N, C-alpha and C. Protein backbone atom coordinates (compact mmCIF):
# COMPACT_ATOMS: atom_id res chain seq x y z
N UNK A 1 -11.73 -3.63 20.91
CA UNK A 1 -12.84 -3.32 20.01
C UNK A 1 -13.31 -4.60 19.32
N UNK A 2 -14.63 -4.79 19.31
CA UNK A 2 -15.21 -5.94 18.63
C UNK A 2 -15.61 -5.56 17.21
N UNK A 3 -15.10 -6.28 16.24
CA UNK A 3 -15.45 -6.05 14.84
C UNK A 3 -16.13 -7.30 14.31
N UNK A 4 -17.24 -7.12 13.63
CA UNK A 4 -18.01 -8.25 13.12
C UNK A 4 -17.47 -8.67 11.77
N UNK A 5 -17.29 -9.98 11.61
CA UNK A 5 -16.88 -10.55 10.32
C UNK A 5 -17.75 -11.78 10.10
N UNK A 6 -18.84 -11.60 9.36
CA UNK A 6 -19.85 -12.64 9.23
C UNK A 6 -19.48 -13.67 8.17
N UNK A 7 -20.22 -14.75 8.13
CA UNK A 7 -20.04 -15.75 7.08
C UNK A 7 -20.27 -15.13 5.71
N UNK A 8 -21.19 -14.15 5.64
CA UNK A 8 -21.44 -13.47 4.38
C UNK A 8 -20.20 -12.69 3.94
N UNK A 9 -19.61 -11.97 4.87
CA UNK A 9 -18.38 -11.23 4.55
C UNK A 9 -17.29 -12.18 4.04
N UNK A 10 -17.14 -13.31 4.74
CA UNK A 10 -16.10 -14.27 4.35
C UNK A 10 -16.38 -14.85 2.98
N UNK A 11 -17.63 -15.12 2.69
CA UNK A 11 -17.99 -15.63 1.37
C UNK A 11 -17.71 -14.62 0.28
N UNK A 12 -18.01 -13.34 0.56
CA UNK A 12 -17.75 -12.29 -0.42
C UNK A 12 -16.25 -12.11 -0.64
N UNK A 13 -15.45 -12.29 0.41
CA UNK A 13 -14.00 -12.20 0.24
C UNK A 13 -13.48 -13.33 -0.64
N UNK A 14 -14.04 -14.52 -0.45
CA UNK A 14 -13.61 -15.63 -1.30
C UNK A 14 -13.96 -15.37 -2.75
N UNK A 15 -15.15 -14.82 -2.99
CA UNK A 15 -15.55 -14.48 -4.36
C UNK A 15 -14.61 -13.42 -4.93
N UNK A 16 -14.23 -12.44 -4.09
CA UNK A 16 -13.30 -11.41 -4.54
C UNK A 16 -11.96 -12.02 -4.91
N UNK A 17 -11.47 -12.96 -4.11
CA UNK A 17 -10.19 -13.59 -4.42
C UNK A 17 -10.26 -14.40 -5.71
N UNK A 18 -11.40 -15.03 -5.96
CA UNK A 18 -11.59 -15.74 -7.23
C UNK A 18 -11.52 -14.75 -8.41
N UNK A 19 -12.11 -13.58 -8.20
CA UNK A 19 -12.06 -12.54 -9.24
C UNK A 19 -10.62 -12.04 -9.44
N UNK A 20 -9.89 -11.91 -8.35
CA UNK A 20 -8.50 -11.45 -8.44
C UNK A 20 -7.65 -12.46 -9.21
N UNK A 21 -7.89 -13.74 -9.01
CA UNK A 21 -7.19 -14.77 -9.79
C UNK A 21 -7.44 -14.58 -11.27
N UNK A 22 -8.69 -14.33 -11.62
CA UNK A 22 -9.03 -14.14 -13.04
C UNK A 22 -8.36 -12.89 -13.60
N UNK A 23 -8.03 -11.94 -12.75
CA UNK A 23 -7.40 -10.69 -13.18
C UNK A 23 -5.88 -10.77 -13.13
N UNK A 24 -5.35 -11.96 -12.86
CA UNK A 24 -3.90 -12.13 -12.97
C UNK A 24 -3.12 -12.19 -11.68
N UNK A 25 -3.78 -12.24 -10.54
CA UNK A 25 -3.07 -12.37 -9.26
C UNK A 25 -2.80 -13.86 -9.02
N UNK A 26 -1.51 -14.20 -8.97
CA UNK A 26 -1.11 -15.61 -8.84
C UNK A 26 -0.30 -15.87 -7.57
N UNK A 27 0.11 -14.82 -6.87
CA UNK A 27 0.90 -14.96 -5.65
C UNK A 27 -0.03 -15.46 -4.53
N UNK A 28 0.19 -16.69 -4.09
CA UNK A 28 -0.71 -17.30 -3.11
C UNK A 28 -0.65 -16.58 -1.76
N UNK A 29 0.51 -16.01 -1.41
CA UNK A 29 0.61 -15.26 -0.16
C UNK A 29 -0.28 -14.01 -0.20
N UNK A 30 -0.31 -13.36 -1.35
CA UNK A 30 -1.17 -12.19 -1.52
C UNK A 30 -2.63 -12.60 -1.43
N UNK A 31 -3.00 -13.66 -2.11
CA UNK A 31 -4.39 -14.11 -2.11
C UNK A 31 -4.83 -14.54 -0.72
N UNK A 32 -3.96 -15.21 0.02
CA UNK A 32 -4.31 -15.60 1.39
C UNK A 32 -4.56 -14.38 2.25
N UNK A 33 -3.68 -13.39 2.13
CA UNK A 33 -3.84 -12.17 2.92
C UNK A 33 -5.13 -11.44 2.55
N UNK A 34 -5.42 -11.35 1.26
CA UNK A 34 -6.64 -10.69 0.82
C UNK A 34 -7.88 -11.43 1.32
N UNK A 35 -7.77 -12.74 1.46
CA UNK A 35 -8.89 -13.55 1.93
C UNK A 35 -9.06 -13.47 3.44
N UNK A 36 -7.98 -13.15 4.14
CA UNK A 36 -8.02 -13.15 5.60
C UNK A 36 -8.27 -11.78 6.21
N UNK A 37 -7.93 -10.71 5.50
CA UNK A 37 -8.10 -9.35 6.06
C UNK A 37 -9.46 -8.79 5.64
N UNK A 38 -10.33 -8.52 6.59
CA UNK A 38 -11.67 -7.98 6.26
C UNK A 38 -11.59 -6.54 5.77
N UNK A 39 -11.83 -6.33 4.49
CA UNK A 39 -11.75 -4.97 3.94
C UNK A 39 -12.82 -4.07 4.54
N UNK A 40 -13.96 -4.63 4.92
CA UNK A 40 -15.05 -3.79 5.43
C UNK A 40 -14.70 -3.13 6.76
N UNK A 41 -13.68 -3.63 7.45
CA UNK A 41 -13.24 -2.99 8.69
C UNK A 41 -12.54 -1.65 8.44
N UNK A 42 -12.12 -1.41 7.20
CA UNK A 42 -11.32 -0.22 6.91
C UNK A 42 -12.10 0.88 6.19
N UNK A 43 -13.41 0.72 6.10
CA UNK A 43 -14.25 1.72 5.46
C UNK A 43 -15.42 2.05 6.38
N UNK A 44 -16.13 3.11 6.06
CA UNK A 44 -17.31 3.48 6.83
C UNK A 44 -18.36 2.37 6.71
N UNK A 45 -19.03 2.10 7.81
CA UNK A 45 -20.02 1.02 7.82
C UNK A 45 -21.15 1.26 6.82
N UNK A 46 -21.38 2.51 6.44
CA UNK A 46 -22.42 2.81 5.45
C UNK A 46 -22.06 2.25 4.07
N UNK A 47 -20.78 1.95 3.86
CA UNK A 47 -20.32 1.43 2.57
C UNK A 47 -20.10 -0.08 2.60
N UNK A 48 -20.58 -0.73 3.66
CA UNK A 48 -20.35 -2.16 3.86
C UNK A 48 -20.75 -2.99 2.65
N UNK A 49 -21.85 -2.63 2.00
CA UNK A 49 -22.36 -3.40 0.87
C UNK A 49 -21.41 -3.37 -0.33
N UNK A 50 -20.51 -2.38 -0.37
CA UNK A 50 -19.60 -2.24 -1.50
C UNK A 50 -18.19 -2.74 -1.18
N UNK A 51 -17.98 -3.23 0.04
CA UNK A 51 -16.62 -3.52 0.52
C UNK A 51 -15.89 -4.53 -0.33
N UNK A 52 -16.60 -5.51 -0.90
CA UNK A 52 -15.92 -6.57 -1.63
C UNK A 52 -16.17 -6.51 -3.14
N UNK A 53 -16.56 -5.32 -3.59
CA UNK A 53 -16.56 -5.03 -5.01
C UNK A 53 -15.19 -4.48 -5.37
N UNK A 54 -14.77 -4.71 -6.61
CA UNK A 54 -13.44 -4.23 -7.03
C UNK A 54 -13.56 -2.77 -7.44
N UNK A 55 -13.64 -1.93 -6.43
CA UNK A 55 -13.81 -0.50 -6.68
C UNK A 55 -13.15 0.29 -5.55
N UNK A 56 -12.73 1.51 -5.87
CA UNK A 56 -12.19 2.41 -4.86
C UNK A 56 -13.36 3.06 -4.11
N UNK A 57 -13.13 3.38 -2.83
CA UNK A 57 -14.17 4.00 -2.01
C UNK A 57 -13.57 5.15 -1.23
N UNK A 58 -14.36 6.17 -0.97
CA UNK A 58 -13.88 7.34 -0.24
C UNK A 58 -13.68 7.01 1.23
N UNK A 59 -12.61 7.57 1.81
CA UNK A 59 -12.32 7.33 3.22
C UNK A 59 -12.13 8.65 3.98
N UNK A 60 -12.40 9.77 3.34
CA UNK A 60 -12.24 11.07 3.98
C UNK A 60 -10.91 11.72 3.62
N UNK A 61 -10.79 13.02 3.93
CA UNK A 61 -9.57 13.79 3.66
C UNK A 61 -9.20 13.76 2.18
N UNK A 62 -10.21 13.67 1.31
CA UNK A 62 -10.00 13.62 -0.14
C UNK A 62 -9.17 12.41 -0.56
N UNK A 63 -9.22 11.34 0.21
CA UNK A 63 -8.47 10.13 -0.08
C UNK A 63 -9.44 8.97 -0.34
N UNK A 64 -8.89 7.89 -0.91
CA UNK A 64 -9.71 6.70 -1.18
C UNK A 64 -8.96 5.45 -0.72
N UNK A 65 -9.73 4.39 -0.49
CA UNK A 65 -9.17 3.06 -0.34
C UNK A 65 -9.11 2.48 -1.75
N UNK A 66 -7.96 1.97 -2.15
CA UNK A 66 -7.75 1.54 -3.54
C UNK A 66 -8.62 0.34 -3.90
N UNK A 67 -8.80 0.13 -5.21
CA UNK A 67 -9.43 -1.10 -5.69
C UNK A 67 -8.70 -2.31 -5.09
N UNK A 68 -9.41 -3.33 -4.68
CA UNK A 68 -8.74 -4.55 -4.22
C UNK A 68 -7.74 -5.10 -5.23
N UNK A 69 -8.07 -5.01 -6.52
CA UNK A 69 -7.16 -5.52 -7.54
C UNK A 69 -5.86 -4.72 -7.58
N UNK A 70 -5.95 -3.42 -7.28
CA UNK A 70 -4.74 -2.58 -7.23
C UNK A 70 -3.89 -2.94 -6.02
N UNK A 71 -4.52 -3.12 -4.87
CA UNK A 71 -3.81 -3.54 -3.67
C UNK A 71 -3.11 -4.87 -3.92
N UNK A 72 -3.84 -5.80 -4.53
CA UNK A 72 -3.28 -7.13 -4.79
C UNK A 72 -2.12 -7.06 -5.79
N UNK A 73 -2.27 -6.25 -6.83
CA UNK A 73 -1.22 -6.16 -7.84
C UNK A 73 0.04 -5.52 -7.27
N UNK A 74 -0.11 -4.42 -6.53
CA UNK A 74 1.08 -3.81 -5.93
C UNK A 74 1.76 -4.77 -4.96
N UNK A 75 0.97 -5.49 -4.18
CA UNK A 75 1.53 -6.45 -3.24
C UNK A 75 2.27 -7.57 -3.97
N UNK A 76 1.70 -8.03 -5.07
CA UNK A 76 2.34 -9.08 -5.86
C UNK A 76 3.64 -8.60 -6.47
N UNK A 77 3.66 -7.38 -6.99
CA UNK A 77 4.86 -6.84 -7.61
C UNK A 77 5.99 -6.66 -6.61
N UNK A 78 5.65 -6.46 -5.33
CA UNK A 78 6.67 -6.28 -4.30
C UNK A 78 7.46 -7.56 -4.02
N UNK A 79 6.84 -8.72 -4.26
CA UNK A 79 7.49 -10.01 -3.96
C UNK A 79 7.98 -10.04 -2.50
N UNK A 80 7.07 -9.78 -1.60
CA UNK A 80 7.41 -9.70 -0.17
C UNK A 80 7.62 -11.09 0.41
N UNK A 81 8.67 -11.20 1.22
CA UNK A 81 8.93 -12.40 2.00
C UNK A 81 8.80 -12.06 3.48
N UNK A 82 8.37 -13.02 4.31
CA UNK A 82 8.23 -12.75 5.74
C UNK A 82 9.52 -12.20 6.34
N UNK A 83 9.36 -11.19 7.18
CA UNK A 83 10.51 -10.57 7.84
C UNK A 83 11.11 -9.39 7.11
N UNK A 84 10.72 -9.18 5.86
CA UNK A 84 11.24 -8.03 5.12
C UNK A 84 10.74 -6.72 5.70
N UNK A 85 11.59 -5.70 5.63
CA UNK A 85 11.21 -4.36 6.05
C UNK A 85 10.63 -3.62 4.85
N UNK A 86 9.38 -3.19 4.99
CA UNK A 86 8.67 -2.52 3.90
C UNK A 86 8.30 -1.11 4.33
N UNK A 87 8.69 -0.14 3.53
CA UNK A 87 8.29 1.25 3.74
C UNK A 87 7.09 1.54 2.84
N UNK A 88 5.99 1.95 3.46
CA UNK A 88 4.77 2.28 2.71
C UNK A 88 4.57 3.79 2.74
N UNK A 89 4.40 4.37 1.56
CA UNK A 89 4.15 5.81 1.44
C UNK A 89 2.67 6.01 1.19
N UNK A 90 1.97 6.51 2.21
CA UNK A 90 0.53 6.71 2.13
C UNK A 90 -0.22 5.63 2.87
N UNK A 91 -0.39 5.78 4.18
CA UNK A 91 -1.10 4.78 4.98
C UNK A 91 -2.56 4.70 4.59
N UNK A 92 -3.17 5.87 4.35
CA UNK A 92 -4.58 5.90 3.96
C UNK A 92 -5.47 5.21 4.97
N UNK A 93 -6.30 4.30 4.50
CA UNK A 93 -7.24 3.57 5.37
C UNK A 93 -6.54 2.55 6.25
N UNK A 94 -5.34 2.13 5.85
CA UNK A 94 -4.63 1.08 6.56
C UNK A 94 -4.83 -0.30 5.97
N UNK A 95 -5.65 -0.41 4.94
CA UNK A 95 -5.93 -1.73 4.36
C UNK A 95 -4.69 -2.35 3.72
N UNK A 96 -4.00 -1.59 2.87
CA UNK A 96 -2.77 -2.10 2.27
C UNK A 96 -1.74 -2.44 3.35
N UNK A 97 -1.67 -1.60 4.37
CA UNK A 97 -0.77 -1.84 5.49
C UNK A 97 -1.06 -3.19 6.13
N UNK A 98 -2.35 -3.46 6.36
CA UNK A 98 -2.76 -4.71 6.99
C UNK A 98 -2.43 -5.92 6.12
N UNK A 99 -2.60 -5.78 4.81
CA UNK A 99 -2.27 -6.87 3.89
C UNK A 99 -0.78 -7.20 4.00
N UNK A 100 0.06 -6.19 4.00
CA UNK A 100 1.51 -6.41 4.11
C UNK A 100 1.87 -7.04 5.44
N UNK A 101 1.23 -6.58 6.52
CA UNK A 101 1.47 -7.18 7.84
C UNK A 101 1.07 -8.65 7.83
N UNK A 102 -0.07 -8.95 7.24
CA UNK A 102 -0.55 -10.34 7.18
C UNK A 102 0.42 -11.21 6.38
N UNK A 103 1.13 -10.62 5.43
CA UNK A 103 2.11 -11.37 4.64
C UNK A 103 3.44 -11.54 5.39
N UNK A 104 3.52 -11.00 6.59
CA UNK A 104 4.70 -11.20 7.42
C UNK A 104 5.74 -10.11 7.33
N UNK A 105 5.41 -9.00 6.65
CA UNK A 105 6.36 -7.90 6.52
C UNK A 105 6.40 -7.06 7.80
N UNK A 106 7.55 -6.43 8.03
CA UNK A 106 7.69 -5.42 9.07
C UNK A 106 7.42 -4.08 8.39
N UNK A 107 6.25 -3.51 8.65
CA UNK A 107 5.78 -2.37 7.87
C UNK A 107 6.02 -1.06 8.61
N UNK A 108 6.61 -0.11 7.88
CA UNK A 108 6.81 1.26 8.34
C UNK A 108 6.01 2.14 7.38
N UNK A 109 4.99 2.81 7.89
CA UNK A 109 4.05 3.50 7.02
C UNK A 109 3.94 4.98 7.37
N UNK A 110 3.95 5.82 6.33
CA UNK A 110 3.90 7.27 6.51
C UNK A 110 2.59 7.83 5.93
N UNK A 111 1.93 8.68 6.69
CA UNK A 111 0.72 9.38 6.24
C UNK A 111 0.88 10.86 6.52
N UNK A 112 0.53 11.71 5.55
CA UNK A 112 0.69 13.16 5.73
C UNK A 112 -0.60 13.82 6.21
N UNK A 113 -1.74 13.16 6.08
CA UNK A 113 -3.01 13.74 6.52
C UNK A 113 -3.25 13.37 7.99
N UNK A 114 -3.20 14.36 8.88
CA UNK A 114 -3.27 14.06 10.30
C UNK A 114 -4.57 13.38 10.69
N UNK A 115 -5.68 13.78 10.08
CA UNK A 115 -6.95 13.15 10.40
C UNK A 115 -6.93 11.66 10.11
N UNK A 116 -6.40 11.29 8.96
CA UNK A 116 -6.29 9.87 8.61
C UNK A 116 -5.27 9.17 9.49
N UNK A 117 -4.15 9.83 9.73
CA UNK A 117 -3.10 9.23 10.54
C UNK A 117 -3.62 8.84 11.93
N UNK A 118 -4.29 9.77 12.59
CA UNK A 118 -4.80 9.51 13.94
C UNK A 118 -5.80 8.35 13.92
N UNK A 119 -6.71 8.38 12.96
CA UNK A 119 -7.75 7.36 12.88
C UNK A 119 -7.16 5.99 12.54
N UNK A 120 -6.29 5.95 11.54
CA UNK A 120 -5.79 4.66 11.04
C UNK A 120 -4.79 4.03 11.99
N UNK A 121 -3.93 4.82 12.59
CA UNK A 121 -2.98 4.26 13.55
C UNK A 121 -3.72 3.56 14.69
N UNK A 122 -4.78 4.22 15.19
CA UNK A 122 -5.58 3.63 16.27
C UNK A 122 -6.26 2.35 15.80
N UNK A 123 -6.84 2.39 14.59
CA UNK A 123 -7.55 1.22 14.07
C UNK A 123 -6.61 0.03 13.90
N UNK A 124 -5.46 0.24 13.30
CA UNK A 124 -4.51 -0.86 13.09
C UNK A 124 -4.09 -1.48 14.41
N UNK A 125 -3.86 -0.65 15.41
CA UNK A 125 -3.49 -1.15 16.73
C UNK A 125 -4.62 -1.97 17.35
N UNK A 126 -5.84 -1.47 17.24
CA UNK A 126 -6.99 -2.17 17.80
C UNK A 126 -7.21 -3.53 17.13
N UNK A 127 -6.87 -3.60 15.84
CA UNK A 127 -7.08 -4.84 15.09
C UNK A 127 -5.90 -5.81 15.22
N UNK A 128 -4.85 -5.38 15.90
CA UNK A 128 -3.72 -6.26 16.14
C UNK A 128 -2.66 -6.27 15.07
N UNK A 129 -2.69 -5.30 14.16
CA UNK A 129 -1.66 -5.21 13.13
C UNK A 129 -0.52 -4.33 13.64
N UNK A 130 0.68 -4.90 13.75
CA UNK A 130 1.79 -4.21 14.41
C UNK A 130 2.63 -3.41 13.41
N UNK A 131 1.99 -2.45 12.77
CA UNK A 131 2.71 -1.57 11.85
C UNK A 131 3.27 -0.38 12.62
N UNK A 132 4.40 0.15 12.14
CA UNK A 132 4.98 1.37 12.70
C UNK A 132 4.46 2.54 11.86
N UNK A 133 3.61 3.36 12.45
CA UNK A 133 2.96 4.44 11.70
C UNK A 133 3.55 5.80 12.07
N UNK A 134 3.74 6.63 11.05
CA UNK A 134 4.36 7.94 11.23
C UNK A 134 3.56 9.01 10.51
N UNK A 135 3.47 10.18 11.12
CA UNK A 135 2.90 11.36 10.47
C UNK A 135 4.06 12.12 9.84
N UNK A 136 4.00 12.32 8.53
CA UNK A 136 5.11 13.02 7.89
C UNK A 136 4.96 13.09 6.38
N UNK A 137 5.99 13.59 5.75
CA UNK A 137 6.02 13.78 4.30
C UNK A 137 6.63 12.54 3.65
N UNK A 138 5.79 11.72 3.06
CA UNK A 138 6.26 10.48 2.46
C UNK A 138 7.23 10.68 1.32
N UNK A 139 7.21 11.85 0.70
CA UNK A 139 8.14 12.14 -0.39
C UNK A 139 9.58 12.04 0.07
N UNK A 140 9.78 12.30 1.36
CA UNK A 140 11.13 12.27 1.93
C UNK A 140 11.43 10.96 2.67
N UNK A 141 10.43 10.10 2.79
CA UNK A 141 10.63 8.82 3.43
C UNK A 141 10.88 8.94 4.91
N UNK A 142 11.57 7.96 5.47
CA UNK A 142 11.96 7.96 6.88
C UNK A 142 13.48 7.97 6.95
N UNK A 143 14.02 9.04 7.44
CA UNK A 143 15.47 9.18 7.44
C UNK A 143 16.13 8.59 8.69
N UNK A 144 15.32 8.21 9.68
CA UNK A 144 15.89 7.66 10.91
C UNK A 144 16.67 6.38 10.61
N UNK A 145 17.93 6.35 11.00
CA UNK A 145 18.80 5.22 10.67
C UNK A 145 18.36 3.96 11.39
N UNK A 146 17.58 4.11 12.46
CA UNK A 146 17.13 2.93 13.20
C UNK A 146 16.14 2.09 12.40
N UNK A 147 15.54 2.67 11.36
CA UNK A 147 14.50 1.98 10.61
C UNK A 147 15.00 1.42 9.28
N UNK A 148 15.64 2.25 8.46
CA UNK A 148 16.07 1.82 7.14
C UNK A 148 17.44 1.17 7.17
N UNK A 149 17.96 0.77 6.02
CA UNK A 149 17.28 0.81 4.72
C UNK A 149 16.22 -0.29 4.62
N UNK A 150 15.42 -0.22 3.54
CA UNK A 150 14.26 -1.09 3.40
C UNK A 150 14.45 -2.08 2.27
N UNK A 151 13.90 -3.28 2.47
CA UNK A 151 13.92 -4.30 1.43
C UNK A 151 12.96 -3.95 0.29
N UNK A 152 11.86 -3.31 0.68
CA UNK A 152 10.81 -2.96 -0.29
C UNK A 152 10.24 -1.59 0.06
N UNK A 153 9.83 -0.85 -0.97
CA UNK A 153 9.11 0.41 -0.79
C UNK A 153 7.89 0.38 -1.70
N UNK A 154 6.73 0.70 -1.14
CA UNK A 154 5.50 0.78 -1.91
C UNK A 154 4.94 2.19 -1.79
N UNK A 155 4.61 2.78 -2.93
CA UNK A 155 4.05 4.12 -2.96
C UNK A 155 2.60 4.01 -3.43
N UNK A 156 1.68 4.53 -2.63
CA UNK A 156 0.26 4.37 -2.93
C UNK A 156 -0.38 5.69 -3.37
N UNK A 157 0.42 6.53 -4.04
CA UNK A 157 -0.08 7.77 -4.62
C UNK A 157 0.75 8.06 -5.87
N UNK A 158 0.17 8.83 -6.78
CA UNK A 158 0.83 9.07 -8.06
C UNK A 158 1.91 10.12 -7.97
N UNK A 159 3.16 9.74 -8.25
CA UNK A 159 4.30 10.66 -8.18
C UNK A 159 4.65 11.18 -9.57
N UNK A 160 5.12 12.41 -9.63
CA UNK A 160 5.55 12.98 -10.91
C UNK A 160 6.95 12.50 -11.29
N UNK A 161 7.70 12.05 -10.30
CA UNK A 161 9.04 11.52 -10.54
C UNK A 161 9.35 10.53 -9.43
N UNK A 162 10.36 9.72 -9.63
CA UNK A 162 10.78 8.78 -8.59
C UNK A 162 11.55 9.57 -7.54
N UNK A 163 11.05 9.66 -6.31
CA UNK A 163 11.73 10.46 -5.29
C UNK A 163 13.13 9.93 -4.99
N UNK A 164 14.13 10.79 -5.13
CA UNK A 164 15.51 10.37 -4.89
C UNK A 164 15.71 9.93 -3.44
N UNK A 165 15.01 10.61 -2.51
CA UNK A 165 15.16 10.26 -1.10
C UNK A 165 14.72 8.83 -0.84
N UNK A 166 13.65 8.40 -1.50
CA UNK A 166 13.16 7.04 -1.30
C UNK A 166 14.12 6.02 -1.89
N UNK A 167 14.64 6.29 -3.08
CA UNK A 167 15.60 5.35 -3.67
C UNK A 167 16.85 5.25 -2.81
N UNK A 168 17.20 6.34 -2.14
CA UNK A 168 18.36 6.32 -1.26
C UNK A 168 18.13 5.47 -0.02
N UNK A 169 16.86 5.26 0.35
CA UNK A 169 16.52 4.47 1.53
C UNK A 169 16.23 3.01 1.19
N UNK A 170 16.28 2.67 -0.10
CA UNK A 170 16.04 1.30 -0.57
C UNK A 170 17.36 0.54 -0.63
N UNK A 171 17.36 -0.67 -0.10
CA UNK A 171 18.56 -1.50 -0.15
C UNK A 171 18.95 -1.81 -1.58
N UNK A 172 20.23 -2.03 -1.83
CA UNK A 172 20.62 -2.57 -3.13
C UNK A 172 20.05 -3.98 -3.25
N UNK A 173 19.44 -4.23 -4.41
CA UNK A 173 18.72 -5.48 -4.60
C UNK A 173 17.26 -5.37 -4.21
N UNK A 174 16.89 -4.23 -3.62
CA UNK A 174 15.52 -4.01 -3.19
C UNK A 174 14.61 -3.58 -4.33
N UNK A 175 13.30 -3.57 -4.04
CA UNK A 175 12.29 -3.26 -5.05
C UNK A 175 11.39 -2.12 -4.57
N UNK A 176 11.14 -1.18 -5.46
CA UNK A 176 10.13 -0.15 -5.23
C UNK A 176 9.00 -0.32 -6.24
N UNK A 177 7.76 -0.26 -5.77
CA UNK A 177 6.60 -0.26 -6.64
C UNK A 177 5.93 1.10 -6.50
N UNK A 178 5.79 1.80 -7.63
CA UNK A 178 5.33 3.19 -7.59
C UNK A 178 4.55 3.53 -8.85
N UNK A 179 3.38 4.18 -8.71
CA UNK A 179 2.68 4.70 -9.89
C UNK A 179 3.28 6.04 -10.28
N UNK A 180 3.79 6.12 -11.51
CA UNK A 180 4.44 7.34 -11.98
C UNK A 180 3.48 8.12 -12.86
N UNK A 181 3.34 9.39 -12.57
CA UNK A 181 2.35 10.25 -13.20
C UNK A 181 3.02 11.14 -14.24
N UNK A 182 2.39 11.24 -15.42
CA UNK A 182 2.82 12.22 -16.41
C UNK A 182 1.58 12.83 -17.03
N UNK A 183 1.76 13.62 -18.07
CA UNK A 183 0.62 14.33 -18.66
C UNK A 183 -0.38 13.39 -19.31
N UNK A 184 -0.01 12.15 -19.56
CA UNK A 184 -0.90 11.20 -20.21
C UNK A 184 -1.56 10.24 -19.23
N UNK A 185 -1.22 10.31 -17.94
CA UNK A 185 -1.81 9.43 -16.94
C UNK A 185 -0.75 8.81 -16.05
N UNK A 186 -1.13 7.75 -15.36
CA UNK A 186 -0.22 7.08 -14.44
C UNK A 186 0.08 5.66 -14.90
N UNK A 187 1.32 5.25 -14.70
CA UNK A 187 1.73 3.90 -15.05
C UNK A 187 2.44 3.27 -13.85
N UNK A 188 2.08 2.01 -13.56
CA UNK A 188 2.70 1.32 -12.44
C UNK A 188 4.08 0.83 -12.82
N UNK A 189 5.07 1.20 -12.01
CA UNK A 189 6.45 0.78 -12.24
C UNK A 189 6.93 -0.12 -11.11
N UNK A 190 7.75 -1.10 -11.47
CA UNK A 190 8.52 -1.84 -10.49
C UNK A 190 9.99 -1.56 -10.78
N UNK A 191 10.67 -0.98 -9.79
CA UNK A 191 12.07 -0.59 -9.96
C UNK A 191 12.93 -1.47 -9.05
N UNK A 192 13.84 -2.20 -9.64
CA UNK A 192 14.78 -3.01 -8.88
C UNK A 192 16.11 -2.27 -8.82
N UNK A 193 16.58 -2.00 -7.62
CA UNK A 193 17.79 -1.21 -7.42
C UNK A 193 19.01 -2.14 -7.43
N UNK A 194 19.58 -2.33 -8.60
CA UNK A 194 20.74 -3.23 -8.74
C UNK A 194 22.07 -2.55 -8.42
N UNK A 195 22.04 -1.25 -8.17
CA UNK A 195 23.24 -0.51 -7.85
C UNK A 195 22.87 0.91 -7.48
N UNK A 196 23.82 1.72 -7.03
CA UNK A 196 23.51 3.07 -6.56
C UNK A 196 23.12 4.06 -7.65
N UNK A 197 23.59 3.86 -8.87
CA UNK A 197 23.30 4.83 -9.93
C UNK A 197 22.05 4.44 -10.70
N UNK A 198 21.36 5.45 -11.23
CA UNK A 198 20.10 5.22 -11.93
C UNK A 198 20.28 4.29 -13.14
N UNK A 199 21.45 4.32 -13.75
CA UNK A 199 21.70 3.46 -14.91
C UNK A 199 21.67 1.98 -14.54
N UNK A 200 21.78 1.69 -13.25
CA UNK A 200 21.78 0.30 -12.80
C UNK A 200 20.41 -0.18 -12.34
N UNK A 201 19.42 0.71 -12.39
CA UNK A 201 18.09 0.32 -11.96
C UNK A 201 17.39 -0.43 -13.09
N UNK A 202 16.67 -1.47 -12.74
CA UNK A 202 15.83 -2.17 -13.69
C UNK A 202 14.41 -1.66 -13.52
N UNK A 203 13.84 -1.10 -14.59
CA UNK A 203 12.50 -0.51 -14.54
C UNK A 203 11.55 -1.33 -15.41
N UNK A 204 10.48 -1.81 -14.79
CA UNK A 204 9.45 -2.57 -15.51
C UNK A 204 8.12 -1.85 -15.40
N UNK A 205 7.32 -1.93 -16.45
CA UNK A 205 6.04 -1.22 -16.50
C UNK A 205 4.88 -2.22 -16.49
N UNK A 206 3.82 -1.87 -15.73
CA UNK A 206 2.71 -2.80 -15.55
C UNK A 206 1.35 -2.15 -15.77
N UNK A 207 1.28 -1.23 -16.69
CA UNK A 207 -0.02 -0.73 -17.11
C UNK A 207 -0.50 0.51 -16.37
N UNK A 208 -1.66 0.99 -16.82
CA UNK A 208 -2.23 2.25 -16.33
C UNK A 208 -3.03 2.05 -15.05
N UNK A 209 -2.89 3.02 -14.14
CA UNK A 209 -3.63 3.01 -12.88
C UNK A 209 -4.04 4.44 -12.55
N UNK A 210 -4.85 4.59 -11.52
CA UNK A 210 -5.29 5.92 -11.11
C UNK A 210 -5.19 6.05 -9.59
N UNK A 211 -4.33 6.95 -9.13
CA UNK A 211 -4.13 7.21 -7.71
C UNK A 211 -4.29 8.69 -7.44
N UNK A 212 -4.55 9.04 -6.18
CA UNK A 212 -4.50 10.45 -5.79
C UNK A 212 -3.05 10.90 -5.92
N UNK A 213 -2.81 12.19 -6.16
CA UNK A 213 -1.43 12.67 -6.39
C UNK A 213 -0.57 12.64 -5.13
N UNK A 214 0.70 12.40 -5.33
CA UNK A 214 1.68 12.49 -4.26
C UNK A 214 2.04 13.96 -4.08
N UNK A 215 2.01 14.44 -2.84
CA UNK A 215 2.29 15.85 -2.56
C UNK A 215 3.71 16.00 -2.06
N UNK A 216 4.41 16.99 -2.59
CA UNK A 216 5.79 17.22 -2.21
C UNK A 216 5.93 18.59 -1.57
N UNK A 217 6.31 18.58 -0.30
CA UNK A 217 6.63 19.84 0.37
C UNK A 217 5.45 20.72 0.68
N UNK A 218 4.24 20.16 0.59
CA UNK A 218 3.06 20.97 0.92
C UNK A 218 2.71 20.76 2.40
N UNK A 219 2.00 21.74 2.94
CA UNK A 219 1.68 21.69 4.35
C UNK A 219 0.80 20.49 4.66
N UNK A 220 1.14 19.77 5.71
CA UNK A 220 0.33 18.64 6.14
C UNK A 220 -0.93 19.15 6.80
N UNK A 221 -2.00 18.34 6.66
CA UNK A 221 -3.29 18.77 7.22
C UNK A 221 -3.73 17.79 8.30
């Protein structure tokens, strides 16, 4: 598949990265990936004019592609190093997946919406991003022993609680980045698993965000 990436697109990406720096993104690996991955490839061509604005856009199935600043912040909080195994909950458009792949991560991504899964898995493959994509319930993670445990876990939907299954699949010393939802809104957490018990977890908070809700045990569509 031929995808167009014009000088205009590249210029707009550079402007976006400059904006991300002003918003507190300092991880050069994240900024390089954001500058190299064309966001407009992951949205409908009718929205091309909005691709490099810092805004969420609809991608179908009642889902959105996150603000670039949100993608960058979650990626920065993960502190990904090349070769790390990263479990992503919520493949969505595949844009966050592509950013992690560009940073050198081995990405295992779960999507529960079959329409998005079929479309995004094909797109990522066509674009040369070697992510392992699965249709399933991200709340339960990937239990196959051939894949886990994971160095990093990123959740791209708002959870009401930290899923125990996911923490069980995270290596000791590993990091999970997850937006936690309560009655007052969502807050981005970075959880470092320093030991098996919850009392040993280091929990850091990084402000308010807005994600679609994480679904637990509901029928996949």
